[in-house]
Amino acid sequence: EQLDAVTAVGLGLFCELGTGDVDFPAILAELKRMNYSGWIVVEQDVLPGMGSPKESAARNRAYIRSIGL
């Protein structure tokens, strides 16, 4: 299905880490299994209703710490 950005935002398709469909613990487990030792980069757009960028970053940081990063 194709969606424009406005519709996607309205549907909540952009969300903070741990609140969407991506299984981050499984990805992390696979990276560990592979002995990956490089960088892991997280990007988060802050949309209306998500609070300030600083608040969103703090929640995302707490989530990635909770899964062992």
PDB file of N, CA and C in Angstrom:
ATOM      1  N   GLU A   1       0.846  -1.177   0.000  1.00  0.00           N
ATOM      2  CA  GLU A   1       0.000   0.000   0.000  1.00  0.00           C
ATOM      3  C   GLU A   1       0.889   1.236   0.000  1.00  0.00           C
ATOM      4  N   GLN A   2       0.536   2.209  -0.806  1.00  0.00           N
ATOM      5  CA  GLN A   2       1.299   3.451  -0.854  1.00  0.00           C
ATOM      6  C   GLN A   2       0.579   4.521  -0.046  1.00  0.00           C
ATOM      7  N   LEU A   3       1.350   5.219   0.769  1.00  0.00           N
ATOM      8  CA  LEU A   3       0.818   6.307   1.574  1.00  0.00           C
ATOM      9  C   LEU A   3       1.689   7.532   1.406  1.00  0.00           C
ATOM     10  N   ASP A   4       1.058   8.689   1.400  1.00  0.00           N
ATOM     11  CA  ASP A   4       1.854   9.906   1.425  1.00  0.00           C
ATOM     12  C   ASP A   4       2.254  10.172   2.877  1.00  0.00           C
ATOM     13  N   ALA A   5       3.205  11.069   3.074  1.00  0.00           N
ATOM     14  CA  ALA A   5       3.745  11.323   4.410  1.00  0.00           C
ATOM     15  C   ALA A   5       2.683  11.821   5.380  1.00  0.00           C
ATOM     16  N   VAL A   6       1.801  12.694   4.927  1.00  0.00           N
ATOM     17  CA  VAL A   6       0.763  13.243   5.809  1.00  0.00           C
ATOM     18  C   VAL A   6      -0.142  12.129   6.317  1.00  0.00           C
ATOM     19  N   THR A   7      -0.548  11.229   5.437  1.00  0.00           N
ATOM     20  CA  THR A   7      -1.406  10.112   5.837  1.00  0.00           C
ATOM     21  C   THR A   7      -0.665   9.184   6.787  1.00  0.00           C
ATOM     22  N   ALA A   8       0.596   8.896   6.492  1.00  0.00           N
ATOM     23  CA  ALA A   8       1.390   8.011   7.346  1.00  0.00           C
ATOM     24  C   ALA A   8       1.518   8.576   8.756  1.00  0.00           C
ATOM     25  N   VAL A   9       1.776   9.875   8.860  1.00  0.00           N
ATOM     26  CA  VAL A   9       1.875  10.511  10.175  1.00  0.00           C
ATOM     27  C   VAL A   9       0.540  10.412  10.899  1.00  0.00           C
ATOM     28  N   GLY A  10      -0.539  10.679  10.189  1.00  0.00           N
ATOM     29  CA  GLY A  10      -1.873  10.600  10.780  1.00  0.00           C
ATOM     30  C   GLY A  10      -2.221   9.214  11.287  1.00  0.00           C
ATOM     31  N   LEU A  11      -1.677   8.197  10.648  1.00  0.00           N
ATOM     32  CA  LEU A  11      -1.928   6.814  11.060  1.00  0.00           C
ATOM     33  C   LEU A  11      -0.978   6.343  12.168  1.00  0.00           C
ATOM     34  N   GLY A  12      -0.052   7.199  12.540  1.00  0.00           N
ATOM     35  CA  GLY A  12       0.890   6.839  13.593  1.00  0.00           C
ATOM     36  C   GLY A  12       1.963   5.866  13.157  1.00  0.00           C
ATOM     37  N   LEU A  13       2.310   5.863  11.873  1.00  0.00           N
ATOM     38  CA  LEU A  13       3.311   4.922  11.379  1.00  0.00           C
ATOM     39  C   LEU A  13       4.732   5.276  11.803  1.00  0.00           C
ATOM     40  N   PHE A  14       4.944   6.495  12.228  1.00  0.00           N
ATOM     41  CA  PHE A  14       6.238   6.900  12.764  1.00  0.00           C
ATOM     42  C   PHE A  14       6.075   6.958  14.276  1.00  0.00           C
ATOM     43  N   CYS A  15       6.871   6.196  14.988  1.00  0.00           N
ATOM     44  CA  CYS A  15       6.702   6.129  16.435  1.00  0.00           C
ATOM     45  C   CYS A  15       8.060   5.978  17.106  1.00  0.00           C
ATOM     46  N   GLU A  16       8.054   6.114  18.414  1.00  0.00           N
ATOM     47  CA  GLU A  16       9.294   5.967  19.161  1.00  0.00           C
ATOM     48  C   GLU A  16       9.709   4.501  19.222  1.00  0.00           C
ATOM     49  N   LEU A  17      10.969   4.299  19.515  1.00  0.00           N
ATOM     50  CA  LEU A  17      11.518   2.948  19.594  1.00  0.00           C
ATOM     51  C   LEU A  17      10.760   2.121  20.627  1.00  0.00           C
ATOM     52  N   GLY A  18      10.488   0.886  20.255  1.00  0.00           N
ATOM     53  CA  GLY A  18       9.806  -0.022  21.162  1.00  0.00           C
ATOM     54  C   GLY A  18       8.298   0.055  21.133  1.00  0.00           C
ATOM     55  N   THR A  19       7.753   1.000  20.358  1.00  0.00           N
ATOM     56  CA  THR A  19       6.293   1.134  20.310  1.00  0.00           C
ATOM     57  C   THR A  19       5.723   0.725  18.961  1.00  0.00           C
ATOM     58  N   GLY A  20       6.578   0.372  18.036  1.00  0.00           N
ATOM     59  CA  GLY A  20       6.118  -0.012  16.698  1.00  0.00           C
ATOM     60  C   GLY A  20       6.269  -1.504  16.451  1.00  0.00           C
ATOM     61  N   ASP A  21       6.383  -1.860  15.191  1.00  0.00           N
ATOM     62  CA  ASP A  21       6.427  -3.264  14.785  1.00  0.00           C
ATOM     63  C   ASP A  21       7.832  -3.866  14.715  1.00  0.00           C
ATOM     64  N   VAL A  22       8.861  -3.042  14.770  1.00  0.00           N
ATOM     65  CA  VAL A  22      10.228  -3.557  14.639  1.00  0.00           C
ATOM     66  C   VAL A  22      10.628  -4.294  15.917  1.00  0.00           C
ATOM     67  N   ASP A  23      11.119  -5.509  15.764  1.00  0.00           N
ATOM     68  CA  ASP A  23      11.546  -6.334  16.894  1.00  0.00           C
ATOM     69  C   ASP A  23      13.019  -6.048  17.186  1.00  0.00           C
ATOM     70  N   PHE A  24      13.266  -4.954  17.894  1.00  0.00           N
ATOM     71  CA  PHE A  24      14.640  -4.551  18.178  1.00  0.00           C
ATOM     72  C   PHE A  24      15.405  -5.578  19.006  1.00  0.00           C
ATOM     73  N   PRO A  25      14.795  -6.226  20.007  1.00  0.00           N
ATOM     74  CA  PRO A  25      15.546  -7.259  20.729  1.00  0.00           C
ATOM     75  C   PRO A  25      16.021  -8.391  19.814  1.00  0.00           C
ATOM     76  N   ALA A  26      15.220  -8.785  18.849  1.00  0.00           N
ATOM     77  CA  ALA A  26      15.628  -9.843  17.916  1.00  0.00           C
ATOM     78  C   ALA A  26      16.775  -9.370  17.027  1.00  0.00           C
ATOM     79  N   ILE A  27      16.715  -8.127  16.590  1.00  0.00           N
ATOM     80  CA  ILE A  27      17.802  -7.569  15.771  1.00  0.00           C
ATOM     81  C   ILE A  27      19.086  -7.526  16.590  1.00  0.00           C
ATOM     82  N   LEU A  28      18.989  -7.063  17.824  1.00  0.00           N
ATOM     83  CA  LEU A  28      20.156  -7.004  18.696  1.00  0.00           C
ATOM     84  C   LEU A  28      20.729  -8.398  18.935  1.00  0.00           C
ATOM     85  N   ALA A  29      19.862  -9.376  19.157  1.00  0.00           N
ATOM     86  CA  ALA A  29      20.321 -10.754  19.366  1.00  0.00           C
ATOM     87  C   ALA A  29      21.079 -11.270  18.146  1.00  0.00           C
ATOM     88  N   GLU A  30      20.584 -10.964  16.963  1.00  0.00           N
ATOM     89  CA  GLU A  30      21.262 -11.405  15.740  1.00  0.00           C
ATOM     90  C   GLU A  30      22.611 -10.711  15.580  1.00  0.00           C
ATOM     91  N   LEU A  31      22.673  -9.424  15.886  1.00  0.00           N
ATOM     92  CA  LEU A  31      23.952  -8.711  15.813  1.00  0.00           C
ATOM     93  C   LEU A  31      24.960  -9.315  16.788  1.00  0.00           C
ATOM     94  N   LYS A  32      24.490  -9.652  17.989  1.00  0.00           N
ATOM     95  CA  LYS A  32      25.381 -10.291  18.968  1.00  0.00           C
ATOM     96  C   LYS A  32      25.830 -11.660  18.469  1.00  0.00           C
ATOM     97  N   ARG A  33      24.905 -12.430  17.894  1.00  0.00           N
ATOM     98  CA  ARG A  33      25.239 -13.757  17.369  1.00  0.00           C
ATOM     99  C   ARG A  33      26.329 -13.658  16.309  1.00  0.00           C
ATOM    100  N   MET A  34      26.279 -12.591  15.517  1.00  0.00           N
ATOM    101  CA  MET A  34      27.247 -12.377  14.440  1.00  0.00           C
ATOM    102  C   MET A  34      28.545 -11.739  14.946  1.00  0.00           C
ATOM    103  N   ASN A  35      28.601 -11.452  16.249  1.00  0.00           N
ATOM    104  CA  ASN A  35      29.750 -10.750  16.841  1.00  0.00           C
ATOM    105  C   ASN A  35      29.972  -9.382  16.209  1.00  0.00           C
ATOM    106  N   TYR A  36      28.888  -8.712  15.868  1.00  0.00           N
ATOM    107  CA  TYR A  36      28.965  -7.376  15.281  1.00  0.00           C
ATOM    108  C   TYR A  36      29.558  -6.418  16.302  1.00  0.00           C
ATOM    109  N   SER A  37      30.503  -5.601  15.871  1.00  0.00           N
ATOM    110  CA  SER A  37      31.142  -4.667  16.798  1.00  0.00           C
ATOM    111  C   SER A  37      31.185  -3.243  16.251  1.00  0.00           C
ATOM    112  N   GLY A  38      30.386  -2.968  15.233  1.00  0.00           N
ATOM    113  CA  GLY A  38      30.381  -1.634  14.645  1.00  0.00           C
ATOM    114  C   GLY A  38      29.364  -0.714  15.301  1.00  0.00           C
ATOM    115  N   TRP A  39      29.126   0.364  14.634  1.00  0.00           N
ATOM    116  CA  TRP A  39      28.171   1.359  15.111  1.00  0.00           C
ATOM    117  C   TRP A  39      26.741   0.890  14.884  1.00  0.00           C
ATOM    118  N   ILE A  40      25.864   1.338  15.759  1.00  0.00           N
ATOM    119  CA  ILE A  40      24.420   1.201  15.575  1.00  0.00           C
ATOM    120  C   ILE A  40      23.865   2.613  15.674  1.00  0.00           C
ATOM    121  N   VAL A  41      23.170   3.052  14.646  1.00  0.00           N
ATOM    122  CA  VAL A  41      22.657   4.418  14.594  1.00  0.00           C
ATOM    123  C   VAL A  41      21.138   4.394  14.695  1.00  0.00           C
ATOM    124  N   VAL A  42      20.605   5.273  15.525  1.00  0.00           N
ATOM    125  CA  VAL A  42      19.162   5.400  15.700  1.00  0.00           C
ATOM    126  C   VAL A  42      18.759   6.795  15.258  1.00  0.00           C
ATOM    127  N   GLU A  43      17.764   6.856  14.407  1.00  0.00           N
ATOM    128  CA  GLU A  43      17.230   8.146  13.962  1.00  0.00           C
ATOM    129  C   GLU A  43      15.766   8.215  14.359  1.00  0.00           C
ATOM    130  N   GLN A  44      15.350   9.349  14.896  1.00  0.00           N
ATOM    131  CA  GLN A  44      13.966   9.502  15.327  1.00  0.00           C
ATOM    132  C   GLN A  44      13.450  10.866  14.908  1.00  0.00           C
ATOM    133  N   ASP A  45      12.421  10.875  14.091  1.00  0.00           N
ATOM    134  CA  ASP A  45      11.717  12.115  13.810  1.00  0.00           C
ATOM    135  C   ASP A  45      10.740  12.349  14.952  1.00  0.00           C
ATOM    136  N   VAL A  46      10.584  13.582  15.357  1.00  0.00           N
ATOM    137  CA  VAL A  46       9.643  13.914  16.421  1.00  0.00           C
ATOM    138  C   VAL A  46       8.440  14.581  15.774  1.00  0.00           C
ATOM    139  N   LEU A  47       7.320  13.936  15.932  1.00  0.00           N
ATOM    140  CA  LEU A  47       6.090  14.387  15.304  1.00  0.00           C
ATOM    141  C   LEU A  47       5.147  14.960  16.345  1.00  0.00           C
ATOM    142  N   PRO A  48       4.123  15.685  15.909  1.00  0.00           N
ATOM    143  CA  PRO A  48       3.156  16.221  16.871  1.00  0.00           C
ATOM    144  C   PRO A  48       2.617  15.115  17.775  1.00  0.00           C
ATOM    145  N   GLY A  49       2.532  15.425  19.061  1.00  0.00           N
ATOM    146  CA  GLY A  49       2.032  14.465  20.023  1.00  0.00           C
ATOM    147  C   GLY A  49       3.105  13.616  20.680  1.00  0.00           C
ATOM    148  N   MET A  50       4.351  13.759  20.228  1.00  0.00           N
ATOM    149  CA  MET A  50       5.443  12.956  20.784  1.00  0.00           C
ATOM    150  C   MET A  50       6.226  13.720  21.848  1.00  0.00           C
ATOM    151  N   GLY A  51       5.852  14.937  22.127  1.00  0.00           N
ATOM    152  CA  GLY A  51       6.610  15.749  23.064  1.00  0.00           C
ATOM    153  C   GLY A  51       7.748  16.452  22.355  1.00  0.00           C
ATOM    154  N   SER A  52       8.626  17.026  23.155  1.00  0.00           N
ATOM    155  CA  SER A  52       9.761  17.751  22.584  1.00  0.00           C
ATOM    156  C   SER A  52      10.810  16.758  22.081  1.00  0.00           C
ATOM    157  N   PRO A  53      11.696  17.218  21.196  1.00  0.00           N
ATOM    158  CA  PRO A  53      12.770  16.333  20.737  1.00  0.00           C
ATOM    159  C   PRO A  53      13.601  15.779  21.900  1.00  0.00           C
ATOM    160  N   LYS A  54      13.868  16.607  22.909  1.00  0.00           N
ATOM    161  CA  LYS A  54      14.657  16.157  24.053  1.00  0.00           C
ATOM    162  C   LYS A  54      13.919  15.068  24.833  1.00  0.00           C
ATOM    163  N   GLU A  55      12.611  15.232  25.019  1.00  0.00           N
ATOM    164  CA  GLU A  55      11.819  14.220  25.729  1.00  0.00           C
ATOM    165  C   GLU A  55      11.788  12.910  24.948  1.00  0.00           C
ATOM    166  N   SER A  56      11.595  13.018  23.644  1.00  0.00           N
ATOM    167  CA  SER A  56      11.554  11.830  22.797  1.00  0.00           C
ATOM    168  C   SER A  56      12.907  11.119  22.801  1.00  0.00           C
ATOM    169  N   ALA A  57      13.982  11.884  22.722  1.00  0.00           N
ATOM    170  CA  ALA A  57      15.323  11.291  22.753  1.00  0.00           C
ATOM    171  C   ALA A  57      15.568  10.573  24.077  1.00  0.00           C
ATOM    172  N   ALA A  58      15.105  11.152  25.176  1.00  0.00           N
ATOM    173  CA  ALA A  58      15.284  10.517  26.484  1.00  0.00           C
ATOM    174  C   ALA A  58      14.524   9.195  26.557  1.00  0.00           C
ATOM    175  N   ARG A  59      13.307   9.158  26.031  1.00  0.00           N
ATOM    176  CA  ARG A  59      12.537   7.909  26.033  1.00  0.00           C
ATOM    177  C   ARG A  59      13.209   6.862  25.141  1.00  0.00           C
ATOM    178  N   ASN A  60      13.693   7.298  23.981  1.00  0.00           N
ATOM    179  CA  ASN A  60      14.384   6.363  23.087  1.00  0.00           C
ATOM    180  C   ASN A  60      15.669   5.838  23.725  1.00  0.00           C
ATOM    181  N   ARG A  61      16.408   6.715  24.389  1.00  0.00           N
ATOM    182  CA  ARG A  61      17.635   6.289  25.067  1.00  0.00           C
ATOM    183  C   ARG A  61      17.303   5.270  26.162  1.00  0.00           C
ATOM    184  N   ALA A  62      16.252   5.529  26.921  1.00  0.00           N
ATOM    185  CA  ALA A  62      15.846   4.584  27.972  1.00  0.00           C
ATOM    186  C   ALA A  62      15.474   3.235  27.364  1.00  0.00           C
ATOM    187  N   TYR A  63      14.792   3.259  26.235  1.00  0.00           N
ATOM    188  CA  TYR A  63      14.410   1.997  25.596  1.00  0.00           C
ATOM    189  C   TYR A  63      15.635   1.220  25.128  1.00  0.00           C
ATOM    190  N   ILE A  64      16.550   1.877  24.429  1.00  0.00           N
ATOM    191  CA  ILE A  64      17.702   1.130  23.918  1.00  0.00           C
ATOM    192  C   ILE A  64      18.578   0.620  25.060  1.00  0.00           C
ATOM    193  N   ARG A  65      18.611   1.338  26.160  1.00  0.00           N
ATOM    194  CA  ARG A  65      19.340   0.830  27.333  1.00  0.00           C
ATOM    195  C   ARG A  65      18.624  -0.383  27.919  1.00  0.00           C
ATOM    196  N   SER A  66      17.291  -0.357  27.900  1.00  0.00           N
ATOM    197  CA  SER A  66      16.525  -1.466  28.486  1.00  0.00           C
ATOM    198  C   SER A  66      16.711  -2.774  27.720  1.00  0.00           C
ATOM    199  N   ILE A  67      17.116  -2.678  26.449  1.00  0.00           N
ATOM    200  CA  ILE A  67      17.337  -3.899  25.664  1.00  0.00           C
ATOM    201  C   ILE A  67      18.818  -4.245  25.552  1.00  0.00           C
ATOM    202  N   GLY A  68      19.629  -3.552  26.323  1.00  0.00           N
ATOM    203  CA  GLY A  68      21.033  -3.929  26.416  1.00  0.00           C
ATOM    204  C   GLY A  68      22.005  -3.190  25.536  1.00  0.00           C
ATOM    205  N   LEU A  69      21.626  -2.055  25.004  1.00  0.00           N
ATOM    206  CA  LEU A  69      22.568  -1.270  24.196  1.00  0.00           C
ATOM    207  C   LEU A  69      23.170  -0.159  25.029  1.00  0.00           C
TER     208      LEU A  69
END
